Amino acid sequence: WAERSRKRILRILPRQTLATVTLPARES
C-alpha cells in the first residue's frame, strides 16, 4: 500500500529540477 501511494504521488507531482540561481554581486 505504501509503495503504491509513493508511486501515485510521484506520478501526480512531477519532480522539480533544481535550477542554479546566480545571485547579483554584492556591493563593496
PDB file of all heavy atoms in Angstrom:
ATOM      1  N   TRP A   1       0.836  -1.197   0.000  1.00  0.00           N
ATOM      2  CA  TRP A   1       0.000   0.000   0.000  1.00  0.00           C
ATOM      3  C   TRP A   1       0.873   1.250   0.000  1.00  0.00           C
ATOM      4  O   TRP A   1       0.625   2.196  -0.750  1.00  0.00           O
ATOM      5  CB  TRP A   1      -0.918  -0.005   1.216  1.00  0.00           C
ATOM      6  CG  TRP A   1      -1.760   1.218   1.310  1.00  0.00           C
ATOM      7  CD1 TRP A   1      -2.946   1.448   0.700  1.00  0.00           C
ATOM      8  CD2 TRP A   1      -1.453   2.404   2.048  1.00  0.00           C
ATOM      9  NE1 TRP A   1      -3.414   2.698   1.018  1.00  0.00           N
ATOM     10  CE2 TRP A   1      -2.502   3.313   1.849  1.00  0.00           C
ATOM     11  CE3 TRP A   1      -0.395   2.787   2.859  1.00  0.00           C
ATOM     12  CZ2 TRP A   1      -2.521   4.574   2.424  1.00  0.00           C
ATOM     13  CZ3 TRP A   1      -0.410   4.044   3.434  1.00  0.00           C
ATOM     14  CH2 TRP A   1      -1.463   4.919   3.211  1.00  0.00           C
ATOM     15  N   ALA A   2       1.917   1.275   0.831  1.00  0.00           N
ATOM     16  CA  ALA A   2       2.812   2.430   0.891  1.00  0.00           C
ATOM     17  C   ALA A   2       3.555   2.615  -0.430  1.00  0.00           C
ATOM     18  O   ALA A   2       3.740   3.746  -0.900  1.00  0.00           O
ATOM     19  CB  ALA A   2       3.799   2.265   2.037  1.00  0.00           C
ATOM     20  N   GLU A   3       3.958   1.516  -1.047  1.00  0.00           N
ATOM     21  CA  GLU A   3       4.658   1.590  -2.331  1.00  0.00           C
ATOM     22  C   GLU A   3       3.737   2.136  -3.423  1.00  0.00           C
ATOM     23  O   GLU A   3       4.142   2.981  -4.228  1.00  0.00           O
ATOM     24  CB  GLU A   3       5.181   0.208  -2.712  1.00  0.00           C
ATOM     25  CG  GLU A   3       6.031   0.191  -3.935  1.00  0.00           C
ATOM     26  CD  GLU A   3       7.341   0.936  -3.767  1.00  0.00           C
ATOM     27  OE1 GLU A   3       7.781   1.137  -2.632  1.00  0.00           O
ATOM     28  OE2 GLU A   3       7.904   1.335  -4.806  1.00  0.00           O
ATOM     29  N   ARG A   4       2.491   1.684  -3.452  1.00  0.00           N
ATOM     30  CA  ARG A   4       1.530   2.211  -4.444  1.00  0.00           C
ATOM     31  C   ARG A   4       1.273   3.697  -4.219  1.00  0.00           C
ATOM     32  O   ARG A   4       1.192   4.471  -5.170  1.00  0.00           O
ATOM     33  CB  ARG A   4       0.216   1.439  -4.360  1.00  0.00           C
ATOM     34  CG  ARG A   4       0.238   0.090  -5.002  1.00  0.00           C
ATOM     35  CD  ARG A   4      -1.158  -0.489  -5.145  1.00  0.00           C
ATOM     36  NE  ARG A   4      -1.928  -0.448  -3.910  1.00  0.00           N
ATOM     37  CZ  ARG A   4      -1.967  -1.420  -3.004  1.00  0.00           C
ATOM     38  NH1 ARG A   4      -1.270  -2.525  -3.185  1.00  0.00           N
ATOM     39  NH2 ARG A   4      -2.711  -1.312  -1.916  1.00  0.00           N
ATOM     40  N   SER A   5       1.163   4.105  -2.967  1.00  0.00           N
ATOM     41  CA  SER A   5       0.923   5.519  -2.654  1.00  0.00           C
ATOM     42  C   SER A   5       2.098   6.379  -3.084  1.00  0.00           C
ATOM     43  O   SER A   5       1.918   7.467  -3.629  1.00  0.00           O
ATOM     44  CB  SER A   5       0.681   5.693  -1.158  1.00  0.00           C
ATOM     45  OG  SER A   5      -0.464   5.007  -0.768  1.00  0.00           O
ATOM     46  N   ARG A   6       3.314   5.889  -2.829  1.00  0.00           N
ATOM     47  CA  ARG A   6       4.503   6.642  -3.223  1.00  0.00           C
ATOM     48  C   ARG A   6       4.562   6.803  -4.742  1.00  0.00           C
ATOM     49  O   ARG A   6       4.825   7.902  -5.251  1.00  0.00           O
ATOM     50  CB  ARG A   6       5.767   5.930  -2.721  1.00  0.00           C
ATOM     51  CG  ARG A   6       7.038   6.729  -2.939  1.00  0.00           C
ATOM     52  CD  ARG A   6       8.259   5.943  -2.535  1.00  0.00           C
ATOM     53  NE  ARG A   6       8.460   4.772  -3.367  1.00  0.00           N
ATOM     54  CZ  ARG A   6       9.016   4.800  -4.575  1.00  0.00           C
ATOM     55  NH1 ARG A   6       9.397   5.934  -5.097  1.00  0.00           N
ATOM     56  NH2 ARG A   6       9.172   3.690  -5.253  1.00  0.00           N
ATOM     57  N   LYS A   7       4.271   5.746  -5.484  1.00  0.00           N
ATOM     58  CA  LYS A   7       4.287   5.832  -6.944  1.00  0.00           C
ATOM     59  C   LYS A   7       3.208   6.778  -7.456  1.00  0.00           C
ATOM     60  O   LYS A   7       3.432   7.527  -8.412  1.00  0.00           O
ATOM     61  CB  LYS A   7       4.092   4.446  -7.557  1.00  0.00           C
ATOM     62  CG  LYS A   7       5.309   3.571  -7.430  1.00  0.00           C
ATOM     63  CD  LYS A   7       5.059   2.216  -8.048  1.00  0.00           C
ATOM     64  CE  LYS A   7       6.276   1.325  -7.915  1.00  0.00           C
ATOM     65  NZ  LYS A   7       6.045  -0.016  -8.455  1.00  0.00           N
ATOM     66  N   ARG A   8       2.034   6.757  -6.811  1.00  0.00           N
ATOM     67  CA  ARG A   8       0.950   7.638  -7.231  1.00  0.00           C
ATOM     68  C   ARG A   8       1.325   9.100  -7.006  1.00  0.00           C
ATOM     69  O   ARG A   8       1.099   9.949  -7.861  1.00  0.00           O
ATOM     70  CB  ARG A   8      -0.326   7.303  -6.460  1.00  0.00           C
ATOM     71  CG  ARG A   8      -1.530   8.106  -6.880  1.00  0.00           C
ATOM     72  CD  ARG A   8      -2.771   7.667  -6.138  1.00  0.00           C
ATOM     73  NE  ARG A   8      -2.634   7.695  -4.687  1.00  0.00           N
ATOM     74  CZ  ARG A   8      -2.798   8.791  -3.937  1.00  0.00           C
ATOM     75  NH1 ARG A   8      -3.095   9.928  -4.504  1.00  0.00           N
ATOM     76  NH2 ARG A   8      -2.680   8.720  -2.631  1.00  0.00           N
ATOM     77  N   ILE A   9       1.927   9.399  -5.865  1.00  0.00           N
ATOM     78  CA  ILE A   9       2.334  10.775  -5.569  1.00  0.00           C
ATOM     79  C   ILE A   9       3.391  11.241  -6.551  1.00  0.00           C
ATOM     80  O   ILE A   9       3.345  12.370  -7.048  1.00  0.00           O
ATOM     81  CB  ILE A   9       2.823  10.892  -4.117  1.00  0.00           C
ATOM     82  CG1 ILE A   9       1.633  10.751  -3.169  1.00  0.00           C
ATOM     83  CG2 ILE A   9       3.558  12.201  -3.876  1.00  0.00           C
ATOM     84  CD1 ILE A   9       2.016  10.627  -1.716  1.00  0.00           C
ATOM     85  N   LEU A  10       4.365  10.370  -6.872  1.00  0.00           N
ATOM     86  CA  LEU A  10       5.403  10.748  -7.826  1.00  0.00           C
ATOM     87  C   LEU A  10       4.836  10.960  -9.223  1.00  0.00           C
ATOM     88  O   LEU A  10       5.355  11.762  -9.993  1.00  0.00           O
ATOM     89  CB  LEU A  10       6.507   9.691  -7.849  1.00  0.00           C
ATOM     90  CG  LEU A  10       7.367   9.619  -6.598  1.00  0.00           C
ATOM     91  CD1 LEU A  10       8.364   8.483  -6.710  1.00  0.00           C
ATOM     92  CD2 LEU A  10       8.079  10.932  -6.355  1.00  0.00           C
ATOM     93  N   ARG A  11       3.774  10.242  -9.556  1.00  0.00           N
ATOM     94  CA  ARG A  11       3.153  10.412 -10.868  1.00  0.00           C
ATOM     95  C   ARG A  11       2.364  11.713 -10.921  1.00  0.00           C
ATOM     96  O   ARG A  11       2.363  12.412 -11.935  1.00  0.00           O
ATOM     97  CB  ARG A  11       2.243   9.221 -11.156  1.00  0.00           C
ATOM     98  CG  ARG A  11       1.723   9.181 -12.557  1.00  0.00           C
ATOM     99  CD  ARG A  11       0.799   8.018 -12.785  1.00  0.00           C
ATOM    100  NE  ARG A  11      -0.322   8.119 -11.845  1.00  0.00           N
ATOM    101  CZ  ARG A  11      -0.819   7.107 -11.156  1.00  0.00           C
ATOM    102  NH1 ARG A  11      -0.324   5.911 -11.288  1.00  0.00           N
ATOM    103  NH2 ARG A  11      -1.826   7.271 -10.322  1.00  0.00           N
ATOM    104  N   ILE A  12       1.688  12.068  -9.834  1.00  0.00           N
ATOM    105  CA  ILE A  12       0.868  13.277  -9.807  1.00  0.00           C
ATOM    106  C   ILE A  12       1.730  14.526  -9.729  1.00  0.00           C
ATOM    107  O   ILE A  12       1.517  15.493 -10.456  1.00  0.00           O
ATOM    108  CB  ILE A  12      -0.122  13.222  -8.624  1.00  0.00           C
ATOM    109  CG1 ILE A  12      -1.142  12.116  -8.856  1.00  0.00           C
ATOM    110  CG2 ILE A  12      -0.815  14.555  -8.435  1.00  0.00           C
ATOM    111  CD1 ILE A  12      -2.022  11.842  -7.665  1.00  0.00           C
ATOM    112  N   LEU A  13       2.692  14.513  -8.848  1.00  0.00           N
ATOM    113  CA  LEU A  13       3.563  15.674  -8.674  1.00  0.00           C
ATOM    114  C   LEU A  13       4.900  15.408  -9.355  1.00  0.00           C
ATOM    115  O   LEU A  13       5.730  14.693  -8.815  1.00  0.00           O
ATOM    116  CB  LEU A  13       3.798  15.948  -7.186  1.00  0.00           C
ATOM    117  CG  LEU A  13       2.562  16.188  -6.333  1.00  0.00           C
ATOM    118  CD1 LEU A  13       2.949  16.276  -4.875  1.00  0.00           C
ATOM    119  CD2 LEU A  13       1.884  17.456  -6.775  1.00  0.00           C
ATOM    120  N   PRO A  14       5.096  15.974 -10.530  1.00  0.00           N
ATOM    121  CA  PRO A  14       6.381  15.722 -11.206  1.00  0.00           C
ATOM    122  C   PRO A  14       7.522  16.306 -10.387  1.00  0.00           C
ATOM    123  O   PRO A  14       7.374  17.308  -9.688  1.00  0.00           O
ATOM    124  CB  PRO A  14       6.233  16.437 -12.550  1.00  0.00           C
ATOM    125  CG  PRO A  14       5.160  17.433 -12.337  1.00  0.00           C
ATOM    126  CD  PRO A  14       4.260  16.890 -11.277  1.00  0.00           C
ATOM    127  N   ARG A  15       8.623  15.626 -10.461  1.00  0.00           N
ATOM    128  CA  ARG A  15       9.791  16.098  -9.704  1.00  0.00           C
ATOM    129  C   ARG A  15      10.256  17.440 -10.261  1.00  0.00           C
ATOM    130  O   ARG A  15      10.352  17.638 -11.466  1.00  0.00           O
ATOM    131  CB  ARG A  15      10.922  15.089  -9.792  1.00  0.00           C
ATOM    132  CG  ARG A  15      10.644  13.838  -9.035  1.00  0.00           C
ATOM    133  CD  ARG A  15      11.877  13.014  -8.973  1.00  0.00           C
ATOM    134  NE  ARG A  15      11.625  11.840  -8.154  1.00  0.00           N
ATOM    135  CZ  ARG A  15      12.552  10.989  -7.818  1.00  0.00           C
ATOM    136  NH1 ARG A  15      13.776  11.152  -8.228  1.00  0.00           N
ATOM    137  NH2 ARG A  15      12.261   9.962  -7.072  1.00  0.00           N
ATOM    138  N   GLN A  16      10.562  18.326  -9.359  1.00  0.00           N
ATOM    139  CA  GLN A  16      11.041  19.643  -9.762  1.00  0.00           C
ATOM    140  C   GLN A  16      12.560  19.588  -9.821  1.00  0.00           C
ATOM    141  O   GLN A  16      13.201  19.138  -8.891  1.00  0.00           O
ATOM    142  CB  GLN A  16      10.603  20.703  -8.769  1.00  0.00           C
ATOM    143  CG  GLN A  16       9.101  20.858  -8.676  1.00  0.00           C
ATOM    144  CD  GLN A  16       8.703  21.841  -7.589  1.00  0.00           C
ATOM    145  OE1 GLN A  16       9.546  22.297  -6.845  1.00  0.00           O
ATOM    146  NE2 GLN A  16       7.431  22.128  -7.511  1.00  0.00           N
ATOM    147  N   THR A  17      13.089  20.048 -10.944  1.00  0.00           N
ATOM    148  CA  THR A  17      14.546  20.072 -11.065  1.00  0.00           C
ATOM    149  C   THR A  17      15.057  21.321 -10.375  1.00  0.00           C
ATOM    150  O   THR A  17      14.449  22.397 -10.441  1.00  0.00           O
ATOM    151  CB  THR A  17      14.972  20.079 -12.541  1.00  0.00           C
ATOM    152  OG1 THR A  17      14.394  21.210 -13.164  1.00  0.00           O
ATOM    153  CG2 THR A  17      14.541  18.807 -13.240  1.00  0.00           C
ATOM    154  N   LEU A  18      16.150  21.163  -9.703  1.00  0.00           N
ATOM    155  CA  LEU A  18      16.737  22.299  -9.002  1.00  0.00           C
ATOM    156  C   LEU A  18      17.507  23.149 -10.001  1.00  0.00           C
ATOM    157  O   LEU A  18      18.428  22.680 -10.650  1.00  0.00           O
ATOM    158  CB  LEU A  18      17.669  21.805  -7.895  1.00  0.00           C
ATOM    159  CG  LEU A  18      16.983  21.014  -6.780  1.00  0.00           C
ATOM    160  CD1 LEU A  18      18.025  20.494  -5.814  1.00  0.00           C
ATOM    161  CD2 LEU A  18      15.998  21.900  -6.048  1.00  0.00           C
ATOM    162  N   ALA A  19      17.121  24.399 -10.134  1.00  0.00           N
ATOM    163  CA  ALA A  19      17.802  25.316 -11.043  1.00  0.00           C
ATOM    164  C   ALA A  19      18.885  26.062 -10.272  1.00  0.00           C
ATOM    165  O   ALA A  19      18.723  26.426  -9.116  1.00  0.00           O
ATOM    166  CB  ALA A  19      16.809  26.318 -11.624  1.00  0.00           C
ATOM    167  N   THR A  20      19.993  26.304 -10.926  1.00  0.00           N
ATOM    168  CA  THR A  20      21.072  27.060 -10.311  1.00  0.00           C
ATOM    169  C   THR A  20      20.747  28.546 -10.436  1.00  0.00           C
ATOM    170  O   THR A  20      20.496  29.050 -11.525  1.00  0.00           O
ATOM    171  CB  THR A  20      22.410  26.764 -11.013  1.00  0.00           C
ATOM    172  OG1 THR A  20      22.614  25.358 -10.982  1.00  0.00           O
ATOM    173  CG2 THR A  20      23.553  27.463 -10.332  1.00  0.00           C
ATOM    174  N   VAL A  21      20.750  29.222  -9.330  1.00  0.00           N
ATOM    175  CA  VAL A  21      20.424  30.640  -9.304  1.00  0.00           C
ATOM    176  C   VAL A  21      21.720  31.412  -9.071  1.00  0.00           C
ATOM    177  O   VAL A  21      22.466  31.136  -8.143  1.00  0.00           O
ATOM    178  CB  VAL A  21      19.419  30.953  -8.169  1.00  0.00           C
ATOM    179  CG1 VAL A  21      19.130  32.437  -8.102  1.00  0.00           C
ATOM    180  CG2 VAL A  21      18.144  30.161  -8.376  1.00  0.00           C
ATOM    181  N   THR A  22      21.970  32.403  -9.940  1.00  0.00           N
ATOM    182  CA  THR A  22      23.152  33.250  -9.790  1.00  0.00           C
ATOM    183  C   THR A  22      22.724  34.541  -9.107  1.00  0.00           C
ATOM    184  O   THR A  22      21.864  35.267  -9.606  1.00  0.00           O
ATOM    185  CB  THR A  22      23.772  33.571 -11.159  1.00  0.00           C
ATOM    186  OG1 THR A  22      24.022  32.331 -11.836  1.00  0.00           O
ATOM    187  CG2 THR A  22      25.057  34.349 -11.019  1.00  0.00           C
ATOM    188  N   LEU A  23      23.295  34.793  -7.956  1.00  0.00           N
ATOM    189  CA  LEU A  23      22.962  35.993  -7.208  1.00  0.00           C
ATOM    190  C   LEU A  23      23.778  37.167  -7.726  1.00  0.00           C
ATOM    191  O   LEU A  23      24.916  37.013  -8.174  1.00  0.00           O
ATOM    192  CB  LEU A  23      23.260  35.774  -5.728  1.00  0.00           C
ATOM    193  CG  LEU A  23      22.434  34.675  -5.051  1.00  0.00           C
ATOM    194  CD1 LEU A  23      22.921  34.469  -3.632  1.00  0.00           C
ATOM    195  CD2 LEU A  23      20.967  35.027  -5.064  1.00  0.00           C
ATOM    196  N   PRO A  24      23.217  38.376  -7.662  1.00  0.00           N
ATOM    197  CA  PRO A  24      23.989  39.550  -8.107  1.00  0.00           C
ATOM    198  C   PRO A  24      25.157  39.785  -7.175  1.00  0.00           C
ATOM    199  O   PRO A  24      25.131  39.423  -5.996  1.00  0.00           O
ATOM    200  CB  PRO A  24      22.982  40.694  -8.041  1.00  0.00           C
ATOM    201  CG  PRO A  24      21.898  40.220  -7.141  1.00  0.00           C
ATOM    202  CD  PRO A  24      21.882  38.743  -7.231  1.00  0.00           C
ATOM    203  N   ALA A  25      26.188  40.414  -7.715  1.00  0.00           N
ATOM    204  CA  ALA A  25      27.383  40.672  -6.913  1.00  0.00           C
ATOM    205  C   ALA A  25      27.040  41.669  -5.807  1.00  0.00           C
ATOM    206  O   ALA A  25      26.247  42.591  -6.006  1.00  0.00           O
ATOM    207  CB  ALA A  25      28.501  41.226  -7.798  1.00  0.00           C
ATOM    208  N   ARG A  26      27.622  41.492  -4.656  1.00  0.00           N
ATOM    209  CA  ARG A  26      27.372  42.399  -3.530  1.00  0.00           C
ATOM    210  C   ARG A  26      28.175  43.678  -3.712  1.00  0.00           C
ATOM    211  O   ARG A  26      29.256  43.687  -4.287  1.00  0.00           O
ATOM    212  CB  ARG A  26      27.768  41.735  -2.222  1.00  0.00           C
ATOM    213  CG  ARG A  26      26.883  40.578  -1.883  1.00  0.00           C
ATOM    214  CD  ARG A  26      27.310  39.997  -0.560  1.00  0.00           C
ATOM    215  NE  ARG A  26      26.326  39.052  -0.113  1.00  0.00           N
ATOM    216  CZ  ARG A  26      25.726  39.097   1.059  1.00  0.00           C
ATOM    217  NH1 ARG A  26      26.054  40.025   1.916  1.00  0.00           N
ATOM    218  NH2 ARG A  26      24.837  38.207   1.387  1.00  0.00           N
ATOM    219  N   GLU A  27      27.618  44.700  -3.178  1.00  0.00           N
ATOM    220  CA  GLU A  27      28.331  45.973  -3.232  1.00  0.00           C
ATOM    221  C   GLU A  27      29.468  45.972  -2.225  1.00  0.00           C
ATOM    222  O   GLU A  27      29.359  45.375  -1.173  1.00  0.00           O
ATOM    223  CB  GLU A  27      27.382  47.121  -2.915  1.00  0.00           C
ATOM    224  CG  GLU A  27      26.278  47.274  -3.934  1.00  0.00           C
ATOM    225  CD  GLU A  27      25.355  48.417  -3.571  1.00  0.00           C
ATOM    226  OE1 GLU A  27      25.817  49.389  -2.943  1.00  0.00           O
ATOM    227  OE2 GLU A  27      24.178  48.310  -3.884  1.00  0.00           O
ATOM    228  N   SER A  28      30.501  46.654  -2.570  1.00  0.00           N
ATOM    229  CA  SER A  28      31.634  46.742  -1.668  1.00  0.00           C
ATOM    230  C   SER A  28      31.543  48.051  -0.902  1.00  0.00           C
ATOM    231  O   SER A  28      31.448  49.127  -1.488  1.00  0.00           O
ATOM    232  CB  SER A  28      32.935  46.688  -2.483  1.00  0.00           C
ATOM    233  OG  SER A  28      34.012  46.863  -1.608  1.00  0.00           O
TER     234      SER A  28
END
